[in-house]
Amino acid sequence: MSLISKIENLQKRPESVRRRVLFIVIAIVMFFVVSAWVFTLKFSLNREENKNNQAAIAPFKIIMNMAKESFDIPVGGIKNTFGRLKEEL
C-alpha cells in the first residue's frame, strides 16, 4: 500500500478520525523535534561552558558593527556635503 493510497483512504474516513490521526502525527513529529533540540542543547551548553562569554555575545557584536558601519556611511556623506558647501560659500 503506497502513501498516496493511504492518504486517499484517510480522506474517505469521518472528520473525527482524520482529526485524531492529525493530532497523533503532530505529537509524533513534535516528539522528534523536541528530542533533537534537547540532544543538541546539551552539546551546545557544554561547549559554552568551556568558552568565554564573549563568544556567546559575538553575533550581537557583529550585528552592532554592521549597524554602526551603515550609519557611518550616510553621516560621512553628509559631512562631505556640508564641507563642500562651506568651501563654496
N, C-alpha and C. Protein backbone atom coordinates (compact mmCIF):
# COMPACT_ATOMS: atom_id res chain seq x y z
N MET A 1 0.84 -1.17 0.00
CA MET A 1 0.00 0.00 0.00
C MET A 1 0.89 1.24 0.00
N SER A 2 0.70 2.10 -0.96
CA SER A 2 1.53 3.29 -1.07
C SER A 2 0.98 4.40 -0.18
N LEU A 3 1.79 5.42 -0.01
CA LEU A 3 1.41 6.55 0.83
C LEU A 3 0.19 7.27 0.25
N ILE A 4 0.14 7.39 -1.06
CA ILE A 4 -0.99 8.09 -1.70
C ILE A 4 -2.29 7.34 -1.45
N SER A 5 -2.26 6.04 -1.55
CA SER A 5 -3.49 5.27 -1.30
C SER A 5 -3.90 5.35 0.17
N LYS A 6 -2.92 5.44 1.09
CA LYS A 6 -3.26 5.60 2.50
C LYS A 6 -3.91 6.96 2.74
N ILE A 7 -3.39 7.98 2.08
CA ILE A 7 -3.98 9.31 2.22
C ILE A 7 -5.39 9.33 1.65
N GLU A 8 -5.60 8.70 0.51
CA GLU A 8 -6.94 8.63 -0.08
C GLU A 8 -7.89 7.89 0.84
N ASN A 9 -7.41 6.82 1.46
CA ASN A 9 -8.24 6.05 2.39
C ASN A 9 -8.59 6.91 3.60
N LEU A 10 -7.64 7.70 4.08
CA LEU A 10 -7.88 8.57 5.22
C LEU A 10 -8.87 9.68 4.87
N GLN A 11 -8.84 10.16 3.64
CA GLN A 11 -9.78 11.20 3.21
C GLN A 11 -11.21 10.70 3.19
N LYS A 12 -11.41 9.41 3.02
CA LYS A 12 -12.75 8.84 2.98
C LYS A 12 -13.34 8.64 4.37
N ARG A 13 -12.51 8.70 5.39
CA ARG A 13 -12.96 8.48 6.77
C ARG A 13 -13.68 9.72 7.30
N PRO A 14 -14.41 9.57 8.40
CA PRO A 14 -15.09 10.73 9.01
C PRO A 14 -14.08 11.75 9.55
N GLU A 15 -14.57 12.96 9.74
CA GLU A 15 -13.68 14.05 10.17
C GLU A 15 -13.07 13.79 11.54
N SER A 16 -13.82 13.15 12.43
CA SER A 16 -13.28 12.89 13.76
C SER A 16 -12.06 11.96 13.70
N VAL A 17 -12.08 11.00 12.81
CA VAL A 17 -10.95 10.08 12.65
C VAL A 17 -9.77 10.83 12.04
N ARG A 18 -10.05 11.68 11.07
CA ARG A 18 -8.97 12.45 10.43
C ARG A 18 -8.30 13.40 11.44
N ARG A 19 -9.10 14.03 12.30
CA ARG A 19 -8.53 14.90 13.32
C ARG A 19 -7.67 14.11 14.31
N ARG A 20 -8.14 12.94 14.70
CA ARG A 20 -7.38 12.11 15.63
C ARG A 20 -6.04 11.72 15.02
N VAL A 21 -6.05 11.34 13.76
CA VAL A 21 -4.81 10.98 13.07
C VAL A 21 -3.90 12.19 12.97
N LEU A 22 -4.46 13.36 12.69
CA LEU A 22 -3.68 14.59 12.61
C LEU A 22 -2.97 14.87 13.93
N PHE A 23 -3.69 14.79 15.04
CA PHE A 23 -3.08 15.07 16.34
C PHE A 23 -2.01 14.04 16.70
N ILE A 24 -2.23 12.80 16.35
CA ILE A 24 -1.23 11.75 16.62
C ILE A 24 0.04 12.02 15.81
N VAL A 25 -0.12 12.35 14.54
CA VAL A 25 1.04 12.63 13.68
C VAL A 25 1.79 13.86 14.19
N ILE A 26 1.06 14.90 14.57
CA ILE A 26 1.70 16.11 15.09
C ILE A 26 2.46 15.80 16.38
N ALA A 27 1.87 14.99 17.26
CA ALA A 27 2.54 14.63 18.51
C ALA A 27 3.83 13.85 18.25
N ILE A 28 3.80 12.94 17.29
CA ILE A 28 4.99 12.15 16.97
C ILE A 28 6.09 13.04 16.39
N VAL A 29 5.72 13.92 15.46
CA VAL A 29 6.71 14.80 14.84
C VAL A 29 7.29 15.75 15.89
N MET A 30 6.45 16.32 16.74
CA MET A 30 6.94 17.22 17.78
C MET A 30 7.83 16.50 18.77
N PHE A 31 7.55 15.23 19.07
CA PHE A 31 8.42 14.46 19.95
C PHE A 31 9.82 14.37 19.36
N PHE A 32 9.91 14.10 18.07
CA PHE A 32 11.23 14.01 17.44
C PHE A 32 11.93 15.37 17.38
N VAL A 33 11.18 16.42 17.12
CA VAL A 33 11.78 17.76 17.06
C VAL A 33 12.30 18.17 18.44
N VAL A 34 11.50 17.98 19.47
CA VAL A 34 11.92 18.35 20.83
C VAL A 34 13.08 17.47 21.28
N SER A 35 13.06 16.20 20.94
CA SER A 35 14.16 15.30 21.31
C SER A 35 15.46 15.75 20.65
N ALA A 36 15.41 16.09 19.39
CA ALA A 36 16.61 16.56 18.70
C ALA A 36 17.09 17.87 19.29
N TRP A 37 16.16 18.77 19.63
CA TRP A 37 16.53 20.05 20.23
C TRP A 37 17.21 19.84 21.58
N VAL A 38 16.65 18.97 22.43
CA VAL A 38 17.24 18.72 23.75
C VAL A 38 18.61 18.08 23.59
N PHE A 39 18.73 17.16 22.65
CA PHE A 39 20.01 16.48 22.43
C PHE A 39 21.09 17.47 22.00
N THR A 40 20.77 18.37 21.09
CA THR A 40 21.76 19.35 20.64
C THR A 40 21.98 20.44 21.67
N LEU A 41 20.97 20.76 22.47
CA LEU A 41 21.12 21.76 23.52
C LEU A 41 22.15 21.31 24.55
N LYS A 42 22.16 20.03 24.85
CA LYS A 42 23.12 19.50 25.81
C LYS A 42 24.55 19.72 25.32
N PHE A 43 24.78 19.50 24.04
CA PHE A 43 26.11 19.71 23.48
C PHE A 43 26.48 21.19 23.44
N SER A 44 25.54 22.03 23.08
CA SER A 44 25.85 23.45 22.98
C SER A 44 26.09 24.06 24.37
N LEU A 45 25.41 23.61 25.39
CA LEU A 45 25.66 24.11 26.74
C LEU A 45 27.03 23.70 27.24
N ASN A 46 27.45 22.48 26.94
CA ASN A 46 28.78 22.04 27.33
C ASN A 46 29.85 22.85 26.62
N ARG A 47 29.63 23.16 25.38
CA ARG A 47 30.60 23.93 24.61
C ARG A 47 30.70 25.36 25.14
N GLU A 48 29.57 25.96 25.52
CA GLU A 48 29.58 27.33 26.02
C GLU A 48 30.24 27.42 27.39
N GLU A 49 30.15 26.37 28.19
CA GLU A 49 30.80 26.40 29.49
C GLU A 49 32.31 26.45 29.33
N ASN A 50 32.82 25.86 28.27
CA ASN A 50 34.25 25.83 28.04
C ASN A 50 34.76 27.13 27.44
N LYS A 51 33.91 27.88 26.77
CA LYS A 51 34.33 29.13 26.13
C LYS A 51 34.00 30.31 27.02
N ASN A 52 34.56 31.45 26.69
CA ASN A 52 34.24 32.68 27.41
C ASN A 52 32.86 33.16 27.02
N ASN A 53 32.31 34.06 27.82
CA ASN A 53 31.01 34.64 27.49
C ASN A 53 31.09 35.53 26.27
N GLN A 54 32.29 35.99 25.93
CA GLN A 54 32.44 36.85 24.76
C GLN A 54 32.06 36.12 23.49
N ALA A 55 32.31 34.82 23.43
CA ALA A 55 31.96 34.06 22.24
C ALA A 55 30.45 34.01 22.05
N ALA A 56 29.70 33.98 23.14
CA ALA A 56 28.24 33.95 23.04
C ALA A 56 27.70 35.30 22.59
N ILE A 57 28.41 36.37 22.88
CA ILE A 57 27.96 37.71 22.51
C ILE A 57 28.43 38.08 21.11
N ALA A 58 29.31 37.30 20.53
CA ALA A 58 29.90 37.64 19.24
C ALA A 58 28.86 37.94 18.15
N PRO A 59 27.78 37.18 18.00
CA PRO A 59 26.82 37.53 16.95
C PRO A 59 26.22 38.92 17.14
N PHE A 60 25.99 39.32 18.40
CA PHE A 60 25.44 40.64 18.64
C PHE A 60 26.46 41.72 18.30
N LYS A 61 27.73 41.46 18.58
CA LYS A 61 28.77 42.42 18.22
C LYS A 61 28.84 42.60 16.71
N ILE A 62 28.70 41.52 15.98
CA ILE A 62 28.74 41.58 14.52
C ILE A 62 27.58 42.44 14.01
N ILE A 63 26.40 42.22 14.55
CA ILE A 63 25.23 42.99 14.11
C ILE A 63 25.40 44.46 14.47
N MET A 64 25.91 44.74 15.67
CA MET A 64 26.12 46.13 16.07
C MET A 64 27.16 46.81 15.18
N ASN A 65 28.24 46.11 14.84
CA ASN A 65 29.25 46.69 13.95
C ASN A 65 28.67 46.98 12.57
N MET A 66 27.83 46.07 12.07
CA MET A 66 27.20 46.30 10.77
C MET A 66 26.30 47.53 10.83
N ALA A 67 25.56 47.68 11.94
CA ALA A 67 24.67 48.84 12.07
C ALA A 67 25.49 50.13 12.14
N LYS A 68 26.60 50.11 12.90
CA LYS A 68 27.43 51.30 13.00
C LYS A 68 28.03 51.67 11.65
N GLU A 69 28.50 50.67 10.91
CA GLU A 69 29.09 50.94 9.60
C GLU A 69 28.05 51.51 8.64
N SER A 70 26.84 50.99 8.68
CA SER A 70 25.81 51.51 7.78
C SER A 70 25.39 52.91 8.18
N PHE A 71 25.52 53.27 9.45
CA PHE A 71 25.21 54.63 9.90
C PHE A 71 26.35 55.58 9.56
N ASP A 72 27.58 55.10 9.63
CA ASP A 72 28.73 55.95 9.35
C ASP A 72 28.79 56.39 7.90
N ILE A 73 28.34 55.58 7.00
CA ILE A 73 28.39 55.94 5.58
C ILE A 73 27.52 57.16 5.29
N PRO A 74 26.24 57.21 5.69
CA PRO A 74 25.46 58.42 5.42
C PRO A 74 25.98 59.63 6.17
N VAL A 75 26.46 59.46 7.41
CA VAL A 75 26.97 60.59 8.17
C VAL A 75 28.20 61.16 7.47
N GLY A 76 29.07 60.28 6.97
CA GLY A 76 30.24 60.74 6.24
C GLY A 76 29.86 61.50 4.99
N GLY A 77 28.84 61.04 4.30
CA GLY A 77 28.37 61.73 3.10
C GLY A 77 27.80 63.10 3.43
N ILE A 78 27.09 63.20 4.55
CA ILE A 78 26.53 64.49 4.96
C ILE A 78 27.65 65.45 5.33
N LYS A 79 28.67 64.95 6.04
CA LYS A 79 29.80 65.82 6.41
C LYS A 79 30.52 66.33 5.17
N ASN A 80 30.71 65.46 4.18
CA ASN A 80 31.36 65.89 2.94
C ASN A 80 30.53 66.95 2.22
N THR A 81 29.23 66.76 2.23
CA THR A 81 28.35 67.72 1.57
C THR A 81 28.42 69.08 2.25
N PHE A 82 28.36 69.10 3.59
CA PHE A 82 28.46 70.38 4.30
C PHE A 82 29.85 71.00 4.11
N GLY A 83 30.89 70.18 4.05
CA GLY A 83 32.24 70.69 3.81
C GLY A 83 32.33 71.37 2.46
N ARG A 84 31.73 70.80 1.44
CA ARG A 84 31.74 71.41 0.11
C ARG A 84 30.94 72.71 0.09
N LEU A 85 29.81 72.72 0.82
CA LEU A 85 29.01 73.95 0.88
C LEU A 85 29.78 75.06 1.55
N LYS A 86 30.51 74.75 2.62
CA LYS A 86 31.30 75.76 3.31
C LYS A 86 32.40 76.31 2.42
N GLU A 87 33.00 75.45 1.62
CA GLU A 87 34.07 75.88 0.73
C GLU A 87 33.53 76.83 -0.33
N GLU A 88 32.35 76.55 -0.82
CA GLU A 88 31.80 77.36 -1.89
C GLU A 88 31.23 78.67 -1.38
N LEU A 89 30.83 78.71 -0.12
CA LEU A 89 30.27 79.96 0.42
C LEU A 89 31.39 80.78 0.90
